[in-house]
Amino acid sequence: MSTETTASVSTHILDTSIGRPAEGVAISLAARAGSGAAWVALGGSATDADGRCKDLPALPEGTTHVRLDFETEEYFDKKQADAQQDAPANRDSGATGAFFPEVAITFAVVPGEHYHVPLLLNPFGYSVYRGS
Protein backbone atom coordinates (compact mmCIF):
# COMPACT_ATOMS: atom_id res chain seq x y z
CA MET A 1 0.00 0.00 0.00
CA SER A 2 1.37 3.42 -0.92
CA THR A 3 2.03 5.97 1.79
CA GLU A 4 3.66 9.37 1.71
CA THR A 5 7.05 7.81 2.59
CA THR A 6 7.04 4.85 0.18
CA ALA A 7 6.16 4.07 -3.41
CA SER A 8 4.32 0.95 -4.56
CA VAL A 9 4.74 -1.25 -7.64
CA SER A 10 2.53 -3.58 -9.66
CA THR A 11 2.97 -5.27 -13.03
CA HIS A 12 1.36 -7.53 -15.58
CA ILE A 13 2.54 -9.28 -18.74
CA LEU A 14 0.78 -9.61 -22.08
CA ASP A 15 2.20 -12.12 -24.56
CA THR A 16 1.70 -10.16 -27.77
CA SER A 17 2.52 -13.20 -29.92
CA ILE A 18 -0.79 -14.77 -28.88
CA GLY A 19 -2.69 -11.75 -27.58
CA ARG A 20 -3.12 -13.26 -24.12
CA PRO A 21 -1.76 -12.80 -20.61
CA ALA A 22 1.50 -14.59 -19.82
CA GLU A 23 0.81 -16.95 -16.91
CA GLY A 24 3.48 -18.38 -14.63
CA VAL A 25 6.32 -15.94 -15.29
CA ALA A 26 8.55 -15.58 -12.22
CA ILE A 27 9.25 -11.98 -11.24
CA SER A 28 11.73 -10.72 -8.66
CA LEU A 29 11.83 -7.24 -7.16
CA ALA A 30 14.87 -5.31 -5.97
CA ALA A 31 15.23 -1.75 -4.68
CA ARG A 32 17.91 0.74 -3.78
CA ALA A 33 18.06 4.08 -2.02
CA GLY A 34 20.09 6.29 -4.36
CA SER A 35 21.85 5.68 -7.66
CA GLY A 36 25.11 4.66 -5.98
CA ALA A 37 23.53 2.33 -3.42
CA ALA A 38 23.57 -1.46 -3.61
CA TRP A 39 20.50 -3.32 -4.83
CA VAL A 40 18.53 -5.11 -2.11
CA ALA A 41 16.51 -8.15 -3.20
CA LEU A 42 13.01 -7.87 -1.73
CA GLY A 43 11.50 -11.12 -3.00
CA GLY A 44 9.22 -12.02 -5.82
CA SER A 45 6.20 -13.81 -7.14
CA ALA A 46 4.79 -15.15 -10.42
CA THR A 47 2.08 -13.99 -12.78
CA ASP A 48 -1.40 -15.47 -12.39
CA ALA A 49 -3.78 -16.64 -15.15
CA ASP A 50 -4.55 -12.97 -15.92
CA GLY A 51 -0.82 -12.18 -16.33
CA ARG A 52 -0.85 -10.11 -13.15
CA CYS A 53 1.48 -10.23 -10.20
CA LYS A 54 -0.62 -8.99 -7.30
CA ASP A 55 1.63 -9.81 -4.36
CA LEU A 56 4.96 -8.10 -4.96
CA PRO A 57 6.76 -7.13 -1.74
CA ALA A 58 6.38 -3.62 -0.36
CA LEU A 59 9.15 -1.14 -1.04
CA PRO A 60 11.19 0.05 1.93
CA GLU A 61 11.16 3.67 2.94
CA GLY A 62 13.80 5.68 1.08
CA THR A 63 13.56 3.66 -2.16
CA THR A 64 14.54 5.73 -5.19
CA HIS A 65 15.09 3.00 -7.81
CA VAL A 66 13.31 -0.27 -8.47
CA ARG A 67 14.28 -3.25 -10.63
CA LEU A 68 11.82 -5.87 -11.85
CA ASP A 69 13.40 -9.05 -13.24
CA PHE A 70 11.11 -11.16 -15.43
CA GLU A 71 12.27 -14.77 -16.00
CA THR A 72 10.89 -15.24 -19.52
CA GLU A 73 12.90 -18.24 -20.74
CA GLU A 74 10.97 -20.86 -18.76
CA TYR A 75 7.65 -19.35 -19.90
CA PHE A 76 8.59 -19.56 -23.59
CA ASP A 77 10.12 -23.04 -23.23
CA LYS A 78 6.86 -24.28 -21.67
CA LYS A 79 4.76 -22.47 -24.28
CA GLN A 80 6.77 -24.07 -27.09
CA ALA A 81 6.50 -27.53 -25.56
CA ASP A 82 2.72 -27.08 -25.12
CA ALA A 83 2.20 -25.99 -28.73
CA GLN A 84 4.59 -27.73 -31.10
CA GLN A 85 2.88 -26.08 -34.07
CA ASP A 86 4.40 -22.77 -32.91
CA ALA A 87 7.96 -24.09 -33.32
CA PRO A 88 8.35 -22.90 -36.96
CA ALA A 89 8.22 -19.29 -35.70
CA ASN A 90 11.70 -19.90 -34.27
CA ARG A 91 13.21 -21.83 -37.19
CA ASP A 92 14.74 -18.87 -39.01
CA SER A 93 17.01 -17.97 -36.12
CA GLY A 94 17.86 -21.54 -35.17
CA ALA A 95 16.92 -20.59 -31.62
CA THR A 96 14.64 -22.39 -29.25
CA GLY A 97 12.64 -20.67 -26.55
CA ALA A 98 13.11 -16.95 -26.18
CA PHE A 99 15.75 -14.66 -27.63
CA PHE A 100 15.57 -12.69 -24.37
CA PRO A 101 15.74 -15.28 -21.54
CA GLU A 102 15.12 -12.56 -19.00
CA VAL A 103 13.98 -8.96 -18.99
CA ALA A 104 15.23 -6.50 -16.38
CA ILE A 105 13.40 -3.20 -16.05
CA THR A 106 14.86 -0.47 -13.85
CA PHE A 107 12.98 2.73 -13.06
CA ALA A 108 13.02 5.67 -10.64
CA VAL A 109 10.30 6.18 -8.04
CA VAL A 110 9.21 8.90 -5.67
CA PRO A 111 7.44 8.42 -2.32
CA GLY A 112 3.67 8.36 -2.34
CA GLU A 113 3.34 7.32 -6.00
CA HIS A 114 2.10 4.02 -7.42
CA TYR A 115 3.94 2.56 -10.43
CA HIS A 116 2.22 0.04 -12.65
CA VAL A 117 4.76 -1.32 -15.15
CA PRO A 118 3.23 -3.58 -17.84
CA LEU A 119 5.47 -5.76 -19.99
CA LEU A 120 4.42 -6.50 -23.57
CA LEU A 121 6.31 -9.65 -24.50
CA ASN A 122 6.95 -11.91 -27.49
CA PRO A 123 9.73 -14.43 -28.22
CA PHE A 124 11.91 -11.86 -30.03
CA GLY A 125 11.13 -8.56 -28.36
CA TYR A 126 9.48 -6.67 -25.56
CA SER A 127 8.16 -3.24 -24.66
CA VAL A 128 7.46 -1.65 -21.32
CA TYR A 129 5.75 1.51 -20.17
CA ARG A 130 4.40 3.23 -17.08
CA GLY A 131 0.76 2.30 -16.89
CA SER A 132 -1.98 3.50 -14.60
C-alpha atoms as a PDB file:
ATOM      1  CA  MET A   1       0.000   0.000   0.000  1.00  0.00           C
ATOM      2  CA  SER A   2       1.367   3.416  -0.917  1.00  0.00           C
ATOM      3  CA  THR A   3       2.032   5.966   1.794  1.00  0.00           C
ATOM      4  CA  GLU A   4       3.664   9.374   1.711  1.00  0.00           C
ATOM      5  CA  THR A   5       7.048   7.812   2.594  1.00  0.00           C
ATOM      6  CA  THR A   6       7.043   4.854   0.180  1.00  0.00           C
ATOM      7  CA  ALA A   7       6.161   4.072  -3.412  1.00  0.00           C
ATOM      8  CA  SER A   8       4.317   0.955  -4.563  1.00  0.00           C
ATOM      9  CA  VAL A   9       4.740  -1.250  -7.636  1.00  0.00           C
ATOM     10  CA  SER A  10       2.527  -3.582  -9.655  1.00  0.00           C
ATOM     11  CA  THR A  11       2.965  -5.268 -13.029  1.00  0.00           C
ATOM     12  CA  HIS A  12       1.362  -7.531 -15.581  1.00  0.00           C
ATOM     13  CA  ILE A  13       2.539  -9.280 -18.745  1.00  0.00           C
ATOM     14  CA  LEU A  14       0.782  -9.609 -22.083  1.00  0.00           C
ATOM     15  CA  ASP A  15       2.205 -12.124 -24.559  1.00  0.00           C
ATOM     16  CA  THR A  16       1.696 -10.165 -27.768  1.00  0.00           C
ATOM     17  CA  SER A  17       2.524 -13.203 -29.922  1.00  0.00           C
ATOM     18  CA  ILE A  18      -0.793 -14.775 -28.883  1.00  0.00           C
ATOM     19  CA  GLY A  19      -2.685 -11.746 -27.585  1.00  0.00           C
ATOM     20  CA  ARG A  20      -3.121 -13.263 -24.116  1.00  0.00           C
ATOM     21  CA  PRO A  21      -1.762 -12.805 -20.606  1.00  0.00           C
ATOM     22  CA  ALA A  22       1.503 -14.591 -19.817  1.00  0.00           C
ATOM     23  CA  GLU A  23       0.811 -16.946 -16.914  1.00  0.00           C
ATOM     24  CA  GLY A  24       3.482 -18.383 -14.632  1.00  0.00           C
ATOM     25  CA  VAL A  25       6.321 -15.937 -15.287  1.00  0.00           C
ATOM     26  CA  ALA A  26       8.545 -15.580 -12.220  1.00  0.00           C
ATOM     27  CA  ILE A  27       9.254 -11.978 -11.236  1.00  0.00           C
ATOM     28  CA  SER A  28      11.725 -10.720  -8.663  1.00  0.00           C
ATOM     29  CA  LEU A  29      11.831  -7.239  -7.157  1.00  0.00           C
ATOM     30  CA  ALA A  30      14.872  -5.314  -5.967  1.00  0.00           C
ATOM     31  CA  ALA A  31      15.233  -1.755  -4.681  1.00  0.00           C
ATOM     32  CA  ARG A  32      17.914   0.743  -3.781  1.00  0.00           C
ATOM     33  CA  ALA A  33      18.059   4.082  -2.022  1.00  0.00           C
ATOM     34  CA  GLY A  34      20.090   6.285  -4.357  1.00  0.00           C
ATOM     35  CA  SER A  35      21.849   5.685  -7.662  1.00  0.00           C
ATOM     36  CA  GLY A  36      25.105   4.660  -5.978  1.00  0.00           C
ATOM     37  CA  ALA A  37      23.528   2.329  -3.424  1.00  0.00           C
ATOM     38  CA  ALA A  38      23.568  -1.459  -3.607  1.00  0.00           C
ATOM     39  CA  TRP A  39      20.503  -3.323  -4.832  1.00  0.00           C
ATOM     40  CA  VAL A  40      18.527  -5.107  -2.113  1.00  0.00           C
ATOM     41  CA  ALA A  41      16.510  -8.148  -3.195  1.00  0.00           C
ATOM     42  CA  LEU A  42      13.014  -7.869  -1.733  1.00  0.00           C
ATOM     43  CA  GLY A  43      11.497 -11.123  -3.005  1.00  0.00           C
ATOM     44  CA  GLY A  44       9.221 -12.022  -5.820  1.00  0.00           C
ATOM     45  CA  SER A  45       6.203 -13.809  -7.145  1.00  0.00           C
ATOM     46  CA  ALA A  46       4.786 -15.147 -10.420  1.00  0.00           C
ATOM     47  CA  THR A  47       2.077 -13.990 -12.783  1.00  0.00           C
ATOM     48  CA  ASP A  48      -1.396 -15.465 -12.394  1.00  0.00           C
ATOM     49  CA  ALA A  49      -3.783 -16.637 -15.151  1.00  0.00           C
ATOM     50  CA  ASP A  50      -4.552 -12.970 -15.919  1.00  0.00           C
ATOM     51  CA  GLY A  51      -0.819 -12.181 -16.334  1.00  0.00           C
ATOM     52  CA  ARG A  52      -0.852 -10.113 -13.152  1.00  0.00           C
ATOM     53  CA  CYS A  53       1.478 -10.227 -10.205  1.00  0.00           C
ATOM     54  CA  LYS A  54      -0.622  -8.991  -7.305  1.00  0.00           C
ATOM     55  CA  ASP A  55       1.627  -9.811  -4.355  1.00  0.00           C
ATOM     56  CA  LEU A  56       4.961  -8.103  -4.960  1.00  0.00           C
ATOM     57  CA  PRO A  57       6.764  -7.128  -1.739  1.00  0.00           C
ATOM     58  CA  ALA A  58       6.376  -3.618  -0.364  1.00  0.00           C
ATOM     59  CA  LEU A  59       9.149  -1.135  -1.045  1.00  0.00           C
ATOM     60  CA  PRO A  60      11.186   0.046   1.926  1.00  0.00           C
ATOM     61  CA  GLU A  61      11.163   3.675   2.941  1.00  0.00           C
ATOM     62  CA  GLY A  62      13.802   5.678   1.079  1.00  0.00           C
ATOM     63  CA  THR A  63      13.563   3.662  -2.161  1.00  0.00           C
ATOM     64  CA  THR A  64      14.538   5.728  -5.193  1.00  0.00           C
ATOM     65  CA  HIS A  65      15.087   3.003  -7.812  1.00  0.00           C
ATOM     66  CA  VAL A  66      13.309  -0.275  -8.469  1.00  0.00           C
ATOM     67  CA  ARG A  67      14.277  -3.245 -10.629  1.00  0.00           C
ATOM     68  CA  LEU A  68      11.820  -5.866 -11.852  1.00  0.00           C
ATOM     69  CA  ASP A  69      13.397  -9.050 -13.240  1.00  0.00           C
ATOM     70  CA  PHE A  70      11.111 -11.164 -15.429  1.00  0.00           C
ATOM     71  CA  GLU A  71      12.269 -14.771 -16.003  1.00  0.00           C
ATOM     72  CA  THR A  72      10.894 -15.242 -19.522  1.00  0.00           C
ATOM     73  CA  GLU A  73      12.896 -18.245 -20.736  1.00  0.00           C
ATOM     74  CA  GLU A  74      10.970 -20.864 -18.764  1.00  0.00           C
ATOM     75  CA  TYR A  75       7.654 -19.346 -19.896  1.00  0.00           C
ATOM     76  CA  PHE A  76       8.591 -19.558 -23.592  1.00  0.00           C
ATOM     77  CA  ASP A  77      10.115 -23.038 -23.227  1.00  0.00           C
ATOM     78  CA  LYS A  78       6.856 -24.278 -21.674  1.00  0.00           C
ATOM     79  CA  LYS A  79       4.762 -22.469 -24.275  1.00  0.00           C
ATOM     80  CA  GLN A  80       6.768 -24.066 -27.095  1.00  0.00           C
ATOM     81  CA  ALA A  81       6.497 -27.527 -25.557  1.00  0.00           C
ATOM     82  CA  ASP A  82       2.721 -27.080 -25.124  1.00  0.00           C
ATOM     83  CA  ALA A  83       2.196 -25.986 -28.733  1.00  0.00           C
ATOM     84  CA  GLN A  84       4.586 -27.729 -31.101  1.00  0.00           C
ATOM     85  CA  GLN A  85       2.881 -26.084 -34.074  1.00  0.00           C
ATOM     86  CA  ASP A  86       4.398 -22.766 -32.910  1.00  0.00           C
ATOM     87  CA  ALA A  87       7.961 -24.086 -33.323  1.00  0.00           C
ATOM     88  CA  PRO A  88       8.350 -22.904 -36.963  1.00  0.00           C
ATOM     89  CA  ALA A  89       8.224 -19.294 -35.704  1.00  0.00           C
ATOM     90  CA  ASN A  90      11.698 -19.903 -34.275  1.00  0.00           C
ATOM     91  CA  ARG A  91      13.209 -21.826 -37.191  1.00  0.00           C
ATOM     92  CA  ASP A  92      14.738 -18.871 -39.009  1.00  0.00           C
ATOM     93  CA  SER A  93      17.010 -17.966 -36.121  1.00  0.00           C
ATOM     94  CA  GLY A  94      17.861 -21.543 -35.170  1.00  0.00           C
ATOM     95  CA  ALA A  95      16.924 -20.592 -31.615  1.00  0.00           C
ATOM     96  CA  THR A  96      14.643 -22.387 -29.248  1.00  0.00           C
ATOM     97  CA  GLY A  97      12.643 -20.673 -26.545  1.00  0.00           C
ATOM     98  CA  ALA A  98      13.112 -16.945 -26.178  1.00  0.00           C
ATOM     99  CA  PHE A  99      15.746 -14.664 -27.631  1.00  0.00           C
ATOM    100  CA  PHE A 100      15.567 -12.690 -24.367  1.00  0.00           C
ATOM    101  CA  PRO A 101      15.738 -15.282 -21.543  1.00  0.00           C
ATOM    102  CA  GLU A 102      15.118 -12.559 -19.004  1.00  0.00           C
ATOM    103  CA  VAL A 103      13.976  -8.955 -18.992  1.00  0.00           C
ATOM    104  CA  ALA A 104      15.235  -6.498 -16.381  1.00  0.00           C
ATOM    105  CA  ILE A 105      13.398  -3.196 -16.054  1.00  0.00           C
ATOM    106  CA  THR A 106      14.861  -0.468 -13.852  1.00  0.00           C
ATOM    107  CA  PHE A 107      12.985   2.734 -13.061  1.00  0.00           C
ATOM    108  CA  ALA A 108      13.018   5.671 -10.645  1.00  0.00           C
ATOM    109  CA  VAL A 109      10.296   6.176  -8.039  1.00  0.00           C
ATOM    110  CA  VAL A 110       9.213   8.896  -5.673  1.00  0.00           C
ATOM    111  CA  PRO A 111       7.441   8.423  -2.319  1.00  0.00           C
ATOM    112  CA  GLY A 112       3.669   8.360  -2.345  1.00  0.00           C
ATOM    113  CA  GLU A 113       3.345   7.320  -6.001  1.00  0.00           C
ATOM    114  CA  HIS A 114       2.097   4.017  -7.421  1.00  0.00           C
ATOM    115  CA  TYR A 115       3.944   2.564 -10.425  1.00  0.00           C
ATOM    116  CA  HIS A 116       2.219   0.041 -12.655  1.00  0.00           C
ATOM    117  CA  VAL A 117       4.758  -1.325 -15.147  1.00  0.00           C
ATOM    118  CA  PRO A 118       3.227  -3.577 -17.835  1.00  0.00           C
ATOM    119  CA  LEU A 119       5.469  -5.759 -19.987  1.00  0.00           C
ATOM    120  CA  LEU A 120       4.416  -6.497 -23.571  1.00  0.00           C
ATOM    121  CA  LEU A 121       6.306  -9.648 -24.502  1.00  0.00           C
ATOM    122  CA  ASN A 122       6.947 -11.911 -27.490  1.00  0.00           C
ATOM    123  CA  PRO A 123       9.730 -14.426 -28.216  1.00  0.00           C
ATOM    124  CA  PHE A 124      11.907 -11.861 -30.027  1.00  0.00           C
ATOM    125  CA  GLY A 125      11.133  -8.558 -28.359  1.00  0.00           C
ATOM    126  CA  TYR A 126       9.485  -6.666 -25.564  1.00  0.00           C
ATOM    127  CA  SER A 127       8.162  -3.237 -24.661  1.00  0.00           C
ATOM    128  CA  VAL A 128       7.462  -1.647 -21.323  1.00  0.00           C
ATOM    129  CA  TYR A 129       5.746   1.511 -20.168  1.00  0.00           C
ATOM    130  CA  ARG A 130       4.404   3.227 -17.083  1.00  0.00           C
ATOM    131  CA  GLY A 131       0.760   2.300 -16.886  1.00  0.00           C
ATOM    132  CA  SER A 132      -1.981   3.496 -14.603  1.00  0.00           C
END
